Amino acid sequence: MPSSFAAAAPAHESFSFLFLTDTHIQPELDAAKGTDMAFKKARSLKADFAIQGGDHVFDSLAVPKERALSLFDLYEKTEQDLGMKVHHTIGNHDVVGIFPQSGVAPTDPLYGKKLFEERFGKRYYTFDHKGHHFIVLDSIGLTSDRAYEGRIDDEQKQWLANDLSSLPKGTPVIVSVHIPLVTAFSSYVPVPVKPEEHHGMSVANADEVIKLFEGHNVLGVLQGHTHINERVDWHGVPYITSGAVSGNWWRGIRMGTPEGFTVVNVANGKLTTRYETYGFKSVDPHNT
């Protein structure tokens, strides 16, 4: 953190919160049981609140509306066992019916991101806690061919710029986003035989967003989507990707990262994390 921020920022009370991402809840594969186990373990840690990092359900993209509604109902019922305030981040699998095979028409009242907004509120927003400013972003760009990509749209970028510029100098900022802004994920996997049609593993216009962070006291960016534990420091900001509550989509360990969630401690102007597992055993393991 630049020394100018350390000098300008007042002392703030330390606290902890939870970043739980990629629950991918479904009736199959004991996913609801596993999510409940994770939430009960999380509750026992007595954190101030939780941020849900996206992909609450599996899956709303390609299924009929009735299935999507039942998944959201299952998630909301299970989240009650978390027992704390939860701030929700939208994930790609939380978007309803955009894949044509879903049979959901674009004119449907719950098409796209509307069901998420109905159940959880705004797609991007801010909140404050103990002198820290939290920004939750929507990184799911919907494409003209009924698919998705990682993207922060122009309207949201302008909103973000305005929000950051309104903060008192040195205000500590923490960001949540589903699809990563910064990741080295492509370095860990083979080159695809066929190029992807859409930029789906990271935010395509991340450079435009990262530039907006310059000159601000961003303590960290919390990310999901890839289901691995990863930290990349870029221009003094840690971009921390959390492993998934669902691990390898409820089929065991994902590239060395077991099922779990991230505990975030904030103290003395710094953000530190640790990964907590909760003992889930897949009924159909396919470890990667």
C-alpha atoms as a PDB file:
ATOM      1  CA  MET A   1       0.000   0.000   0.000  1.00  0.00           C
ATOM      2  CA  PRO A   2       1.447   3.406  -0.927  1.00  0.00           C
ATOM      3  CA  SER A   3       2.716   5.365   2.068  1.00  0.00           C
ATOM      4  CA  SER A   4       0.531   8.334   1.132  1.00  0.00           C
ATOM      5  CA  PHE A   5      -2.548   6.224   1.770  1.00  0.00           C
ATOM      6  CA  ALA A   6      -1.205   4.973   5.082  1.00  0.00           C
ATOM      7  CA  ALA A   7      -0.654   8.550   6.209  1.00  0.00           C
ATOM      8  CA  ALA A   8      -4.026   9.807   5.010  1.00  0.00           C
ATOM      9  CA  ALA A   9      -6.255   6.975   6.178  1.00  0.00           C
ATOM     10  CA  PRO A  10      -7.494   7.055   9.779  1.00  0.00           C
ATOM     11  CA  ALA A  11      -7.228   3.996  11.986  1.00  0.00           C
ATOM     12  CA  HIS A  12     -10.149   1.622  11.496  1.00  0.00           C
ATOM     13  CA  GLU A  13     -11.476  -1.193  13.633  1.00  0.00           C
ATOM     14  CA  SER A  14     -10.262  -4.622  12.529  1.00  0.00           C
ATOM     15  CA  PHE A  15     -12.791  -7.242  11.458  1.00  0.00           C
ATOM     16  CA  SER A  16     -13.249 -10.458   9.514  1.00  0.00           C
ATOM     17  CA  PHE A  17     -15.722 -11.531   6.870  1.00  0.00           C
ATOM     18  CA  LEU A  18     -16.267 -14.546   4.628  1.00  0.00           C
ATOM     19  CA  PHE A  19     -16.015 -14.898   0.869  1.00  0.00           C
ATOM     20  CA  LEU A  20     -18.027 -17.930  -0.202  1.00  0.00           C
ATOM     21  CA  THR A  21     -18.227 -18.485  -3.915  1.00  0.00           C
ATOM     22  CA  ASP A  22     -19.390 -21.011  -6.500  1.00  0.00           C
ATOM     23  CA  THR A  23     -21.808 -23.020  -4.392  1.00  0.00           C
ATOM     24  CA  HIS A  24     -23.405 -24.390  -7.596  1.00  0.00           C
ATOM     25  CA  ILE A  25     -26.298 -25.738  -5.574  1.00  0.00           C
ATOM     26  CA  GLN A  26     -28.486 -28.425  -7.151  1.00  0.00           C
ATOM     27  CA  PRO A  27     -30.521 -31.408  -5.913  1.00  0.00           C
ATOM     28  CA  GLU A  28     -27.973 -33.817  -7.394  1.00  0.00           C
ATOM     29  CA  LEU A  29     -24.504 -34.917  -6.154  1.00  0.00           C
ATOM     30  CA  ASP A  30     -25.309 -34.072  -2.503  1.00  0.00           C
ATOM     31  CA  ALA A  31     -24.741 -30.429  -3.441  1.00  0.00           C
ATOM     32  CA  ALA A  32     -27.381 -29.084  -1.058  1.00  0.00           C
ATOM     33  CA  LYS A  33     -25.918 -31.186   1.770  1.00  0.00           C
ATOM     34  CA  GLY A  34     -22.422 -29.916   0.961  1.00  0.00           C
ATOM     35  CA  THR A  35     -23.510 -26.292   0.777  1.00  0.00           C
ATOM     36  CA  ASP A  36     -25.264 -26.670   4.118  1.00  0.00           C
ATOM     37  CA  MET A  37     -22.104 -28.174   5.629  1.00  0.00           C
ATOM     38  CA  ALA A  38     -20.049 -25.251   4.343  1.00  0.00           C
ATOM     39  CA  PHE A  39     -22.519 -22.675   5.629  1.00  0.00           C
ATOM     40  CA  LYS A  40     -22.663 -24.250   9.089  1.00  0.00           C
ATOM     41  CA  LYS A  41     -18.847 -24.307   9.259  1.00  0.00           C
ATOM     42  CA  ALA A  42     -18.788 -20.679   8.103  1.00  0.00           C
ATOM     43  CA  ARG A  43     -21.353 -19.683  10.716  1.00  0.00           C
ATOM     44  CA  SER A  44     -19.193 -21.152  13.486  1.00  0.00           C
ATOM     45  CA  LEU A  45     -16.356 -18.761  12.610  1.00  0.00           C
ATOM     46  CA  LYS A  46     -18.328 -15.739  13.895  1.00  0.00           C
ATOM     47  CA  ALA A  47     -17.406 -13.369  11.084  1.00  0.00           C
ATOM     48  CA  ASP A  48     -19.123  -9.996  10.713  1.00  0.00           C
ATOM     49  CA  PHE A  49     -20.820 -10.879   7.417  1.00  0.00           C
ATOM     50  CA  ALA A  50     -20.403 -12.847   4.191  1.00  0.00           C
ATOM     51  CA  ILE A  51     -19.999 -12.021   0.524  1.00  0.00           C
ATOM     52  CA  GLN A  52     -21.350 -14.599  -1.911  1.00  0.00           C
ATOM     53  CA  GLY A  53     -18.997 -14.525  -4.886  1.00  0.00           C
ATOM     54  CA  GLY A  54     -21.450 -15.784  -7.502  1.00  0.00           C
ATOM     55  CA  ASP A  55     -22.644 -18.968  -9.179  1.00  0.00           C
ATOM     56  CA  HIS A  56     -25.130 -19.590  -6.423  1.00  0.00           C
ATOM     57  CA  VAL A  57     -26.831 -22.315  -8.477  1.00  0.00           C
ATOM     58  CA  PHE A  58     -26.072 -24.897 -11.137  1.00  0.00           C
ATOM     59  CA  ASP A  59     -27.373 -24.118 -13.593  1.00  0.00           C
ATOM     60  CA  SER A  60     -29.715 -21.362 -14.809  1.00  0.00           C
ATOM     61  CA  LEU A  61     -28.130 -20.711 -18.205  1.00  0.00           C
ATOM     62  CA  ALA A  62     -29.410 -23.709 -20.121  1.00  0.00           C
ATOM     63  CA  VAL A  63     -32.459 -25.039 -18.263  1.00  0.00           C
ATOM     64  CA  PRO A  64     -36.193 -24.281 -18.320  1.00  0.00           C
ATOM     65  CA  LYS A  65     -37.389 -21.446 -16.119  1.00  0.00           C
ATOM     66  CA  GLU A  66     -39.078 -23.859 -13.703  1.00  0.00           C
ATOM     67  CA  ARG A  67     -35.763 -25.596 -12.990  1.00  0.00           C
ATOM     68  CA  ALA A  68     -34.029 -22.249 -12.474  1.00  0.00           C
ATOM     69  CA  LEU A  69     -36.724 -21.139 -10.020  1.00  0.00           C
ATOM     70  CA  SER A  70     -36.399 -24.377  -8.051  1.00  0.00           C
ATOM     71  CA  LEU A  71     -32.619 -23.931  -7.826  1.00  0.00           C
ATOM     72  CA  PHE A  72     -32.919 -20.383  -6.505  1.00  0.00           C
ATOM     73  CA  ASP A  73     -35.499 -21.607  -3.975  1.00  0.00           C
ATOM     74  CA  LEU A  74     -33.120 -24.356  -2.852  1.00  0.00           C
ATOM     75  CA  TYR A  75     -30.258 -21.909  -2.483  1.00  0.00           C
ATOM     76  CA  GLU A  76     -32.282 -19.415  -0.453  1.00  0.00           C
ATOM     77  CA  LYS A  77     -33.550 -22.139   1.859  1.00  0.00           C
ATOM     78  CA  THR A  78     -30.015 -23.448   2.419  1.00  0.00           C
ATOM     79  CA  GLU A  79     -28.505 -19.995   2.966  1.00  0.00           C
ATOM     80  CA  GLN A  80     -30.616 -19.602   6.096  1.00  0.00           C
ATOM     81  CA  ASP A  81     -28.101 -21.855   7.860  1.00  0.00           C
ATOM     82  CA  LEU A  82     -25.367 -19.301   7.231  1.00  0.00           C
ATOM     83  CA  GLY A  83     -26.979 -17.137   9.899  1.00  0.00           C
ATOM     84  CA  MET A  84     -25.440 -13.790   8.956  1.00  0.00           C
ATOM     85  CA  LYS A  85     -25.828 -10.876   6.578  1.00  0.00           C
ATOM     86  CA  VAL A  86     -24.930 -11.896   3.012  1.00  0.00           C
ATOM     87  CA  HIS A  87     -23.990  -9.560   0.154  1.00  0.00           C
ATOM     88  CA  HIS A  88     -24.521 -11.235  -3.216  1.00  0.00           C
ATOM     89  CA  THR A  89     -22.361 -11.107  -6.360  1.00  0.00           C
ATOM     90  CA  ILE A  90     -23.874 -12.283  -9.638  1.00  0.00           C
ATOM     91  CA  GLY A  91     -22.202 -15.189 -11.439  1.00  0.00           C
ATOM     92  CA  ASN A  92     -22.627 -16.509 -14.955  1.00  0.00           C
ATOM     93  CA  HIS A  93     -24.600 -19.565 -13.802  1.00  0.00           C
ATOM     94  CA  ASP A  94     -27.047 -17.249 -12.004  1.00  0.00           C
ATOM     95  CA  VAL A  95     -28.255 -15.843 -15.343  1.00  0.00           C
ATOM     96  CA  VAL A  96     -31.551 -17.357 -16.487  1.00  0.00           C
ATOM     97  CA  GLY A  97     -32.179 -18.919 -19.859  1.00  0.00           C
ATOM     98  CA  ILE A  98     -29.741 -17.099 -22.125  1.00  0.00           C
ATOM     99  CA  PHE A  99     -28.596 -20.329 -23.777  1.00  0.00           C
ATOM    100  CA  PRO A 100     -31.151 -21.127 -26.520  1.00  0.00           C
ATOM    101  CA  GLN A 101     -31.565 -24.734 -25.347  1.00  0.00           C
ATOM    102  CA  SER A 102     -33.225 -23.411 -22.176  1.00  0.00           C
ATOM    103  CA  GLY A 103     -36.398 -22.658 -24.090  1.00  0.00           C
ATOM    104  CA  VAL A 104     -36.711 -19.354 -22.195  1.00  0.00           C
ATOM    105  CA  ALA A 105     -37.676 -16.432 -24.422  1.00  0.00           C
ATOM    106  CA  PRO A 106     -35.856 -13.087 -24.098  1.00  0.00           C
ATOM    107  CA  THR A 107     -39.267 -11.532 -23.470  1.00  0.00           C
ATOM    108  CA  ASP A 108     -39.797 -13.637 -20.340  1.00  0.00           C
ATOM    109  CA  PRO A 109     -40.009 -11.453 -17.194  1.00  0.00           C
ATOM    110  CA  LEU A 110     -37.263 -13.513 -15.516  1.00  0.00           C
ATOM    111  CA  TYR A 111     -34.923 -13.813 -18.513  1.00  0.00           C
ATOM    112  CA  GLY A 112     -31.261 -12.967 -18.026  1.00  0.00           C
ATOM    113  CA  LYS A 113     -30.372 -11.255 -14.761  1.00  0.00           C
ATOM    114  CA  LYS A 114     -33.905 -10.415 -13.688  1.00  0.00           C
ATOM    115  CA  LEU A 115     -34.409 -13.398 -11.378  1.00  0.00           C
ATOM    116  CA  PHE A 116     -31.136 -12.634  -9.593  1.00  0.00           C
ATOM    117  CA  GLU A 117     -32.241  -9.024  -9.111  1.00  0.00           C
ATOM    118  CA  GLU A 118     -35.654 -10.129  -7.857  1.00  0.00           C
ATOM    119  CA  ARG A 119     -34.153 -12.464  -5.256  1.00  0.00           C
ATOM    120  CA  PHE A 120     -30.926 -10.703  -4.239  1.00  0.00           C
ATOM    121  CA  GLY A 121     -31.133  -7.059  -5.304  1.00  0.00           C
ATOM    122  CA  LYS A 122     -28.898  -4.911  -7.466  1.00  0.00           C
ATOM    123  CA  ARG A 123     -26.317  -6.445  -9.800  1.00  0.00           C
ATOM    124  CA  TYR A 124     -23.682  -3.911  -8.763  1.00  0.00           C
ATOM    125  CA  TYR A 125     -23.668  -1.773  -5.655  1.00  0.00           C
ATOM    126  CA  THR A 126     -21.652  -0.601  -2.664  1.00  0.00           C
ATOM    127  CA  PHE A 127     -21.848  -0.922   1.090  1.00  0.00           C
ATOM    128  CA  ASP A 128     -19.703   0.268   3.979  1.00  0.00           C
ATOM    129  CA  HIS A 129     -18.469  -1.545   7.062  1.00  0.00           C
ATOM    130  CA  LYS A 130     -16.301  -0.190   9.873  1.00  0.00           C
ATOM    131  CA  GLY A 131     -14.822   2.565   7.732  1.00  0.00           C
ATOM    132  CA  HIS A 132     -14.199   0.339   4.705  1.00  0.00           C
ATOM    133  CA  HIS A 133     -15.936   0.782   1.355  1.00  0.00           C
ATOM    134  CA  PHE A 134     -17.045  -2.389  -0.435  1.00  0.00           C
ATOM    135  CA  ILE A 135     -17.815  -2.484  -4.159  1.00  0.00           C
ATOM    136  CA  VAL A 136     -19.663  -5.435  -5.702  1.00  0.00           C
ATOM    137  CA  LEU A 137     -19.426  -5.649  -9.503  1.00  0.00           C
ATOM    138  CA  ASP A 138     -21.358  -7.468 -12.229  1.00  0.00           C
ATOM    139  CA  SER A 139     -18.786  -9.080 -14.527  1.00  0.00           C
ATOM    140  CA  ILE A 140     -21.231 -11.053 -16.674  1.00  0.00           C
ATOM    141  CA  GLY A 141     -21.497  -9.614 -20.166  1.00  0.00           C
ATOM    142  CA  LEU A 142     -24.374 -10.966 -22.268  1.00  0.00           C
ATOM    143  CA  THR A 143     -23.565 -11.386 -25.949  1.00  0.00           C
ATOM    144  CA  SER A 144     -25.788 -10.941 -28.989  1.00  0.00           C
ATOM    145  CA  ASP A 145     -25.654 -14.675 -29.769  1.00  0.00           C
ATOM    146  CA  ARG A 146     -27.149 -15.632 -26.400  1.00  0.00           C
ATOM    147  CA  ALA A 147     -23.936 -16.491 -24.593  1.00  0.00           C
ATOM    148  CA  TYR A 148     -21.814 -14.715 -21.976  1.00  0.00           C
ATOM    149  CA  GLU A 149     -18.343 -13.262 -21.588  1.00  0.00           C
ATOM    150  CA  GLY A 150     -16.397 -11.578 -18.830  1.00  0.00           C
ATOM    151  CA  ARG A 151     -17.064  -7.853 -19.193  1.00  0.00           C
ATOM    152  CA  ILE A 152     -17.823  -4.737 -17.144  1.00  0.00           C
ATOM    153  CA  ASP A 153     -20.240  -2.697 -19.258  1.00  0.00           C
ATOM    154  CA  ASP A 154     -19.794   1.012 -19.986  1.00  0.00           C
ATOM    155  CA  GLU A 155     -22.614   2.175 -17.717  1.00  0.00           C
ATOM    156  CA  GLN A 156     -21.155   0.223 -14.807  1.00  0.00           C
ATOM    157  CA  LYS A 157     -17.647   1.547 -15.467  1.00  0.00           C
ATOM    158  CA  GLN A 158     -18.939   5.117 -15.317  1.00  0.00           C
ATOM    159  CA  TRP A 159     -20.799   4.322 -12.105  1.00  0.00           C
ATOM    160  CA  LEU A 160     -17.597   2.835 -10.653  1.00  0.00           C
ATOM    161  CA  ALA A 161     -15.538   5.864 -11.648  1.00  0.00           C
ATOM    162  CA  ASN A 162     -18.070   8.190 -10.037  1.00  0.00           C
ATOM    163  CA  ASP A 163     -18.211   6.122  -6.864  1.00  0.00           C
ATOM    164  CA  LEU A 164     -14.441   5.999  -6.440  1.00  0.00           C
ATOM    165  CA  SER A 165     -14.036   9.708  -7.135  1.00  0.00           C
ATOM    166  CA  SER A 166     -16.578  10.530  -4.423  1.00  0.00           C
ATOM    167  CA  LEU A 167     -14.607   8.774  -1.671  1.00  0.00           C
ATOM    168  CA  PRO A 168     -12.486  10.729   0.821  1.00  0.00           C
ATOM    169  CA  LYS A 169      -8.797  10.324   0.065  1.00  0.00           C
ATOM    170  CA  GLY A 170      -7.348   7.147   1.545  1.00  0.00           C
ATOM    171  CA  THR A 171     -10.664   5.365   2.101  1.00  0.00           C
ATOM    172  CA  PRO A 172      -9.918   1.623   2.165  1.00  0.00           C
ATOM    173  CA  VAL A 173     -11.731  -0.187  -0.655  1.00  0.00           C
ATOM    174  CA  ILE A 174     -12.472  -3.903  -1.105  1.00  0.00           C
ATOM    175  CA  VAL A 175     -13.966  -5.250  -4.350  1.00  0.00           C
ATOM    176  CA  SER A 176     -15.966  -8.398  -5.124  1.00  0.00           C
ATOM    177  CA  VAL A 177     -16.348  -9.725  -8.671  1.00  0.00           C
ATOM    178  CA  HIS A 178     -17.219 -13.173 -10.018  1.00  0.00           C
ATOM    179  CA  ILE A 179     -15.242 -13.532 -13.250  1.00  0.00           C
ATOM    180  CA  PRO A 180     -11.671 -12.495 -12.386  1.00  0.00           C
ATOM    181  CA  LEU A 181     -10.223  -9.160 -13.371  1.00  0.00           C
ATOM    182  CA  VAL A 182      -6.688 -10.538 -12.961  1.00  0.00           C
ATOM    183  CA  THR A 183      -5.738 -14.224 -13.105  1.00  0.00           C
ATOM    184  CA  ALA A 184      -3.019 -16.469 -14.492  1.00  0.00           C
ATOM    185  CA  PHE A 185      -5.479 -19.339 -14.977  1.00  0.00           C
ATOM    186  CA  SER A 186      -4.645 -19.826 -18.657  1.00  0.00           C
ATOM    187  CA  SER A 187      -1.066 -20.615 -17.622  1.00  0.00           C
ATOM    188  CA  TYR A 188      -2.225 -23.655 -15.642  1.00  0.00           C
ATOM    189  CA  VAL A 189      -4.173 -25.431 -18.394  1.00  0.00           C
ATOM    190  CA  PRO A 190      -3.388 -26.705 -21.900  1.00  0.00           C
ATOM    191  CA  VAL A 191      -4.002 -24.406 -24.846  1.00  0.00           C
ATOM    192  CA  PRO A 192      -7.530 -25.120 -26.156  1.00  0.00           C
ATOM    193  CA  VAL A 193      -7.617 -27.121 -29.385  1.00  0.00           C
ATOM    194  CA  LYS A 194     -10.356 -24.801 -30.608  1.00  0.00           C
ATOM    195  CA  PRO A 195     -10.280 -21.120 -29.612  1.00  0.00           C
ATOM    196  CA  GLU A 196     -13.100 -20.061 -27.314  1.00  0.00           C
ATOM    197  CA  GLU A 197     -15.856 -18.097 -29.008  1.00  0.00           C
ATOM    198  CA  HIS A 198     -16.118 -15.741 -26.038  1.00  0.00           C
ATOM    199  CA  HIS A 199     -13.678 -14.433 -23.428  1.00  0.00           C
ATOM    200  CA  GLY A 200     -15.110 -16.340 -20.494  1.00  0.00           C
ATOM    201  CA  MET A 201     -12.359 -17.050 -17.943  1.00  0.00           C
ATOM    202  CA  SER A 202     -11.485 -13.436 -17.145  1.00  0.00           C
ATOM    203  CA  VAL A 203     -12.897  -9.972 -17.769  1.00  0.00           C
ATOM    204  CA  ALA A 204     -12.112  -8.985 -21.353  1.00  0.00           C
ATOM    205  CA  ASN A 205     -11.877  -5.259 -20.593  1.00  0.00           C
ATOM    206  CA  ALA A 206     -10.215  -5.644 -17.200  1.00  0.00           C
ATOM    207  CA  ASP A 207      -7.533  -3.098 -18.100  1.00  0.00           C
ATOM    208  CA  GLU A 208     -10.199  -0.387 -18.268  1.00  0.00           C
ATOM    209  CA  VAL A 209     -11.441  -1.293 -14.798  1.00  0.00           C
ATOM    210  CA  ILE A 210      -7.982  -1.619 -13.252  1.00  0.00           C
ATOM    211  CA  LYS A 211      -7.115   1.892 -14.421  1.00  0.00           C
ATOM    212  CA  LEU A 212     -10.041   3.201 -12.379  1.00  0.00           C
ATOM    213  CA  PHE A 213      -8.437   1.782  -9.215  1.00  0.00           C
ATOM    214  CA  GLU A 214      -5.310   3.900  -9.678  1.00  0.00           C
ATOM    215  CA  GLY A 215      -4.934   6.558  -6.998  1.00  0.00           C
ATOM    216  CA  HIS A 216      -7.304   4.766  -4.632  1.00  0.00           C
ATOM    217  CA  ASN A 217      -6.613   2.661  -1.556  1.00  0.00           C
ATOM    218  CA  VAL A 218      -7.785  -0.710  -2.891  1.00  0.00           C
ATOM    219  CA  LEU A 219      -6.902  -3.311  -0.257  1.00  0.00           C
ATOM    220  CA  GLY A 220      -7.898  -6.243  -2.438  1.00  0.00           C
ATOM    221  CA  VAL A 221     -10.142  -7.688  -5.130  1.00  0.00           C
ATOM    222  CA  LEU A 222     -11.956 -10.943  -4.323  1.00  0.00           C
ATOM    223  CA  GLN A 223     -12.827 -13.183  -7.270  1.00  0.00           C
ATOM    224  CA  GLY A 224     -14.459 -16.539  -8.056  1.00  0.00           C
ATOM    225  CA  HIS A 225     -15.339 -18.495 -11.209  1.00  0.00           C
ATOM    226  CA  THR A 226     -12.205 -20.619 -11.706  1.00  0.00           C
ATOM    227  CA  HIS A 227     -12.640 -22.765  -8.554  1.00  0.00           C
ATOM    228  CA  ILE A 228      -8.959 -22.472  -7.602  1.00  0.00           C
ATOM    229  CA  ASN A 229      -7.017 -20.628  -4.914  1.00  0.00           C
ATOM    230  CA  GLU A 230      -4.835 -17.998  -6.506  1.00  0.00           C
ATOM    231  CA  ARG A 231      -3.314 -14.637  -5.658  1.00  0.00           C
ATOM    232  CA  VAL A 232      -1.848 -12.262  -8.218  1.00  0.00           C
ATOM    233  CA  ASP A 233      -0.478  -8.888  -7.108  1.00  0.00           C
ATOM    234  CA  TRP A 234      -0.712  -6.210  -9.771  1.00  0.00           C
ATOM    235  CA  HIS A 235       0.232  -2.564  -9.258  1.00  0.00           C
ATOM    236  CA  GLY A 236       0.122  -3.004  -5.503  1.00  0.00           C
ATOM    237  CA  VAL A 237      -3.341  -4.590  -5.407  1.00  0.00           C
ATOM    238  CA  PRO A 238      -3.837  -8.279  -4.491  1.00  0.00           C
ATOM    239  CA  TYR A 239      -6.315 -10.052  -6.770  1.00  0.00           C
ATOM    240  CA  ILE A 240      -7.414 -13.038  -4.697  1.00  0.00           C
ATOM    241  CA  THR A 241      -9.359 -15.820  -6.378  1.00  0.00           C
ATOM    242  CA  SER A 242     -11.056 -18.211  -3.972  1.00  0.00           C
ATOM    243  CA  GLY A 243     -11.567 -21.902  -4.313  1.00  0.00           C
ATOM    244  CA  ALA A 244     -15.176 -23.009  -4.615  1.00  0.00           C
ATOM    245  CA  VAL A 245     -17.606 -24.253  -2.001  1.00  0.00           C
ATOM    246  CA  SER A 246     -18.419 -26.896  -4.639  1.00  0.00           C
ATOM    247  CA  GLY A 247     -14.779 -27.785  -5.372  1.00  0.00           C
ATOM    248  CA  ASN A 248     -14.771 -29.487  -8.763  1.00  0.00           C
ATOM    249  CA  TRP A 249     -18.516 -28.880  -9.241  1.00  0.00           C
ATOM    250  CA  TRP A 250     -19.265 -31.335  -6.409  1.00  0.00           C
ATOM    251  CA  ARG A 251     -17.005 -33.957  -7.970  1.00  0.00           C
ATOM    252  CA  GLY A 252     -13.970 -33.679  -5.708  1.00  0.00           C
ATOM    253  CA  ILE A 253     -10.846 -31.532  -5.860  1.00  0.00           C
ATOM    254  CA  ARG A 254     -10.382 -28.873  -8.539  1.00  0.00           C
ATOM    255  CA  MET A 255      -6.761 -28.561  -9.715  1.00  0.00           C
ATOM    256  CA  GLY A 256      -5.495 -29.161  -6.185  1.00  0.00           C
ATOM    257  CA  THR A 257      -8.090 -26.973  -4.451  1.00  0.00           C
ATOM    258  CA  PRO A 258     -10.646 -28.826  -2.285  1.00  0.00           C
ATOM    259  CA  GLU A 259     -14.154 -27.673  -1.430  1.00  0.00           C
ATOM    260  CA  GLY A 260     -14.025 -24.611   0.796  1.00  0.00           C
ATOM    261  CA  PHE A 261     -14.290 -20.868   1.241  1.00  0.00           C
ATOM    262  CA  THR A 262     -12.109 -17.902   2.125  1.00  0.00           C
ATOM    263  CA  VAL A 263     -11.887 -16.123   5.468  1.00  0.00           C
ATOM    264  CA  VAL A 264     -10.814 -12.504   5.077  1.00  0.00           C
ATOM    265  CA  ASN A 265      -9.209 -10.552   7.913  1.00  0.00           C
ATOM    266  CA  VAL A 266      -8.896  -6.776   7.681  1.00  0.00           C
ATOM    267  CA  ALA A 267      -6.545  -5.013  10.100  1.00  0.00           C
ATOM    268  CA  ASN A 268      -4.021  -2.181  10.067  1.00  0.00           C
ATOM    269  CA  GLY A 269      -4.814  -1.190   6.505  1.00  0.00           C
ATOM    270  CA  LYS A 270      -4.192  -4.661   5.085  1.00  0.00           C
ATOM    271  CA  LEU A 271      -6.268  -7.605   3.898  1.00  0.00           C
ATOM    272  CA  THR A 272      -5.161 -11.171   4.626  1.00  0.00           C
ATOM    273  CA  THR A 273      -6.907 -14.432   3.798  1.00  0.00           C
ATOM    274  CA  ARG A 274      -6.965 -18.096   4.679  1.00  0.00           C
ATOM    275  CA  TYR A 275      -8.815 -20.960   3.027  1.00  0.00           C
ATOM    276  CA  GLU A 276     -11.164 -23.119   5.094  1.00  0.00           C
ATOM    277  CA  THR A 277     -12.263 -26.596   4.053  1.00  0.00           C
ATOM    278  CA  TYR A 278     -15.227 -28.331   5.639  1.00  0.00           C
ATOM    279  CA  GLY A 279     -14.860 -32.077   5.105  1.00  0.00           C
ATOM    280  CA  PHE A 280     -17.219 -32.763   2.208  1.00  0.00           C
ATOM    281  CA  LYS A 281     -16.822 -36.132   0.471  1.00  0.00           C
ATOM    282  CA  SER A 282     -18.055 -36.315  -3.119  1.00  0.00           C
ATOM    283  CA  VAL A 283     -20.394 -39.154  -4.037  1.00  0.00           C
ATOM    284  CA  ASP A 284     -18.886 -39.145  -7.547  1.00  0.00           C
ATOM    285  CA  PRO A 285     -15.288 -37.876  -7.338  1.00  0.00           C
ATOM    286  CA  HIS A 286     -13.430 -36.805 -10.452  1.00  0.00           C
ATOM    287  CA  ASN A 287     -10.441 -34.964  -9.011  1.00  0.00           C
ATOM    288  CA  THR A 288      -8.466 -32.778 -11.403  1.00  0.00           C
END
